[in-house]
Every structure is written in structure tokens, then in C-alpha cells.
C-alpha atoms as a PDB file:
ATOM      1  CA  MET A   1       0.000   0.000   0.000  1.00  0.00           C
ATOM      2  CA  SER A   2       1.401   3.428  -0.884  1.00  0.00           C
ATOM      3  CA  LEU A   3       2.262   6.036   1.722  1.00  0.00           C
ATOM      4  CA  PHE A   4      -0.513   8.295   0.449  1.00  0.00           C
ATOM      5  CA  ALA A   5      -3.106   5.526   0.769  1.00  0.00           C
ATOM      6  CA  ARG A   6      -1.952   4.709   4.307  1.00  0.00           C
ATOM      7  CA  LEU A   7      -2.113   8.357   5.369  1.00  0.00           C
ATOM      8  CA  PHE A   8      -5.377   9.347   3.752  1.00  0.00           C
ATOM      9  CA  GLY A   9      -7.255   6.109   3.210  1.00  0.00           C
ATOM     10  CA  LYS A  10      -8.025   4.400  -0.038  1.00  0.00           C
ATOM     11  CA  ALA A  11      -8.632   6.504  -3.108  1.00  0.00           C
ATOM     12  CA  THR A  12     -12.087   6.217  -4.582  1.00  0.00           C
ATOM     13  CA  PRO A  13     -12.085   4.138  -7.757  1.00  0.00           C
ATOM     14  CA  LYS A  14     -12.595   5.969 -11.046  1.00  0.00           C
ATOM     15  CA  ALA A  15     -16.162   5.794 -12.301  1.00  0.00           C
ATOM     16  CA  PRO A  16     -16.526   3.499 -15.315  1.00  0.00           C
ATOM     17  CA  GLU A  17     -17.097   5.035 -18.719  1.00  0.00           C
ATOM     18  CA  PRO A  18     -20.706   4.656 -19.893  1.00  0.00           C
ATOM     19  CA  ILE A  19     -21.667   2.677 -22.978  1.00  0.00           C
ATOM     20  CA  LEU A  20     -23.609   4.919 -25.372  1.00  0.00           C
ATOM     21  CA  HIS A  21     -26.692   3.570 -27.142  1.00  0.00           C
ATOM     22  CA  LYS A  22     -29.352   5.711 -28.876  1.00  0.00           C
ATOM     23  CA  ASP A  23     -28.605   8.894 -26.854  1.00  0.00           C
ATOM     24  CA  CYS A  24     -28.626   6.869 -23.621  1.00  0.00           C
ATOM     25  CA  ARG A  25     -25.754   6.142 -21.271  1.00  0.00           C
ATOM     26  CA  ILE A  26     -25.557   2.583 -19.923  1.00  0.00           C
ATOM     27  CA  PHE A  27     -23.622   1.891 -16.724  1.00  0.00           C
ATOM     28  CA  PRO A  28     -23.435  -1.888 -16.121  1.00  0.00           C
ATOM     29  CA  GLU A  29     -23.750  -2.499 -12.368  1.00  0.00           C
ATOM     30  CA  PRO A  30     -24.072  -6.259 -11.749  1.00  0.00           C
ATOM     31  CA  GLN A  31     -25.168  -7.039  -8.195  1.00  0.00           C
ATOM     32  CA  LYS A  32     -23.551  -9.719  -6.039  1.00  0.00           C
ATOM     33  CA  ALA A  33     -26.056 -12.522  -5.537  1.00  0.00           C
ATOM     34  CA  PRO A  34     -25.988 -16.109  -4.257  1.00  0.00           C
ATOM     35  CA  GLY A  35     -24.278 -18.146  -6.967  1.00  0.00           C
ATOM     36  CA  GLY A  36     -22.793 -15.217  -8.875  1.00  0.00           C
ATOM     37  CA  PHE A  37     -23.834 -11.798 -10.123  1.00  0.00           C
ATOM     38  CA  ARG A  38     -27.325 -10.526 -10.978  1.00  0.00           C
ATOM     39  CA  VAL A  39     -27.801  -8.644 -14.268  1.00  0.00           C
ATOM     40  CA  ALA A  40     -28.290  -4.943 -13.513  1.00  0.00           C
ATOM     41  CA  ALA A  41     -27.539  -1.602 -15.143  1.00  0.00           C
ATOM     42  CA  ARG A  42     -28.280   2.095 -14.739  1.00  0.00           C
ATOM     43  CA  ILE A  43     -29.593   3.802 -17.879  1.00  0.00           C
ATOM     44  CA  GLU A  44     -29.480   7.601 -18.157  1.00  0.00           C
ATOM     45  CA  LYS A  45     -30.682  10.105 -20.740  1.00  0.00           C
ATOM     46  CA  ASP A  46     -30.835  13.894 -20.766  1.00  0.00           C
ATOM     47  CA  PHE A  47     -34.154  15.628 -21.463  1.00  0.00           C
ATOM     48  CA  ASP A  48     -34.123  19.448 -21.689  1.00  0.00           C
ATOM     49  CA  GLY A  49     -31.177  19.735 -19.304  1.00  0.00           C
ATOM     50  CA  THR A  50     -32.538  17.172 -16.830  1.00  0.00           C
ATOM     51  CA  THR A  51     -31.030  13.719 -16.469  1.00  0.00           C
ATOM     52  CA  LYS A  52     -33.543  10.907 -16.101  1.00  0.00           C
ATOM     53  CA  THR A  53     -32.473   7.516 -14.776  1.00  0.00           C
ATOM     54  CA  HIS A  54     -33.854   3.998 -15.031  1.00  0.00           C
ATOM     55  CA  ASN A  55     -32.446   1.186 -12.882  1.00  0.00           C
ATOM     56  CA  LEU A  56     -32.664  -2.102 -14.753  1.00  0.00           C
ATOM     57  CA  ILE A  57     -32.526  -5.266 -12.638  1.00  0.00           C
ATOM     58  CA  ARG A  58     -33.166  -8.738 -14.011  1.00  0.00           C
ATOM     59  CA  SER A  59     -33.390 -12.123 -12.335  1.00  0.00           C
ATOM     60  CA  ASP A  60     -30.622 -13.591 -14.527  1.00  0.00           C
ATOM     61  CA  ILE A  61     -27.540 -14.650 -12.568  1.00  0.00           C
ATOM     62  CA  HIS A  62     -24.123 -15.296 -14.106  1.00  0.00           C
ATOM     63  CA  ALA A  63     -21.269 -17.056 -12.340  1.00  0.00           C
ATOM     64  CA  GLY A  64     -18.655 -14.517 -13.469  1.00  0.00           C
ATOM     65  CA  GLN A  65     -18.769 -10.758 -13.106  1.00  0.00           C
ATOM     66  CA  ASP A  66     -17.503 -10.168 -16.656  1.00  0.00           C
ATOM     67  CA  ASP A  67     -20.321 -12.301 -18.075  1.00  0.00           C
ATOM     68  CA  ALA A  68     -22.817 -10.386 -15.932  1.00  0.00           C
ATOM     69  CA  VAL A  69     -21.456  -7.059 -17.248  1.00  0.00           C
ATOM     70  CA  GLU A  70     -21.865  -8.232 -20.862  1.00  0.00           C
ATOM     71  CA  ALA A  71     -25.395  -9.481 -20.191  1.00  0.00           C
ATOM     72  CA  SER A  72     -26.291  -6.252 -18.350  1.00  0.00           C
ATOM     73  CA  VAL A  73     -25.257  -4.149 -21.347  1.00  0.00           C
ATOM     74  CA  ALA A  74     -27.129  -6.424 -23.766  1.00  0.00           C
ATOM     75  CA  LYS A  75     -30.323  -6.337 -21.658  1.00  0.00           C
ATOM     76  CA  ALA A  76     -30.102  -2.548 -21.276  1.00  0.00           C
ATOM     77  CA  LYS A  77     -29.730  -2.095 -25.049  1.00  0.00           C
ATOM     78  CA  LEU A  78     -32.695  -4.396 -25.635  1.00  0.00           C
ATOM     79  CA  ALA A  79     -34.834  -2.433 -23.158  1.00  0.00           C
ATOM     80  CA  ILE A  80     -33.893   0.854 -24.848  1.00  0.00           C
ATOM     81  CA  ASP A  81     -34.670  -0.584 -28.298  1.00  0.00           C
ATOM     82  CA  GLN A  82     -38.023  -2.019 -27.223  1.00  0.00           C
ATOM     83  CA  LEU A  83     -39.284   0.693 -24.876  1.00  0.00           C
ATOM     84  CA  GLY A  84     -37.616   3.856 -26.151  1.00  0.00           C
ATOM     85  CA  ASP A  85     -38.104   6.941 -23.982  1.00  0.00           C
ATOM     86  CA  THR A  86     -41.028   5.326 -22.118  1.00  0.00           C
ATOM     87  CA  ILE A  87     -38.413   3.497 -20.046  1.00  0.00           C
ATOM     88  CA  PHE A  88     -37.980   6.788 -18.151  1.00  0.00           C
ATOM     89  CA  SER A  89     -41.695   7.257 -17.374  1.00  0.00           C
END
């Protein structure tokens, strides 16, 4: 551990870059669950200077976190394609 980290505590991790899809920002956020990671993502879109958010959570569970991230992005894109802006209602 570096001297800085020991003196001031751990640095906060850098926020992940969003995946852009049809003017929406997708932030994959798989949730730890029994047996692996649950598919989940935060979807954001700006409307007239206001950011609206939809939290997508599915029952799918993947053993690995990387697989859950991929599935979270795919499910978020599918929801955006199928529901459009109504996802934020």
C-alpha cells in the first residue's frame, strides 16, 4: 500500500465510462447474488437539461462478473430498443 493511501485512506475508484446507445448512457452495475452476479444496469438520458435515470434489474444470474457485465449491457440495449423513452416514465 502506498504512503498516500496509508495516510489518507483508499482513493475512490474511477467511475466506469458509460456505454452509449441511442442517446442513452448505460452503466453496467451487476449485483452480487448467491451463486454469482445478478444482471443490472443504470440507464441515463438527458431531457431538456434534466437527467432521467432507469435502474434495470433482471433475475438472470451469471457465475462470473464479466459475463454479468456483458449481459447487463445487452439487456439494457434491448430495453432501450423495445421501450424507447417510455423506459424513463
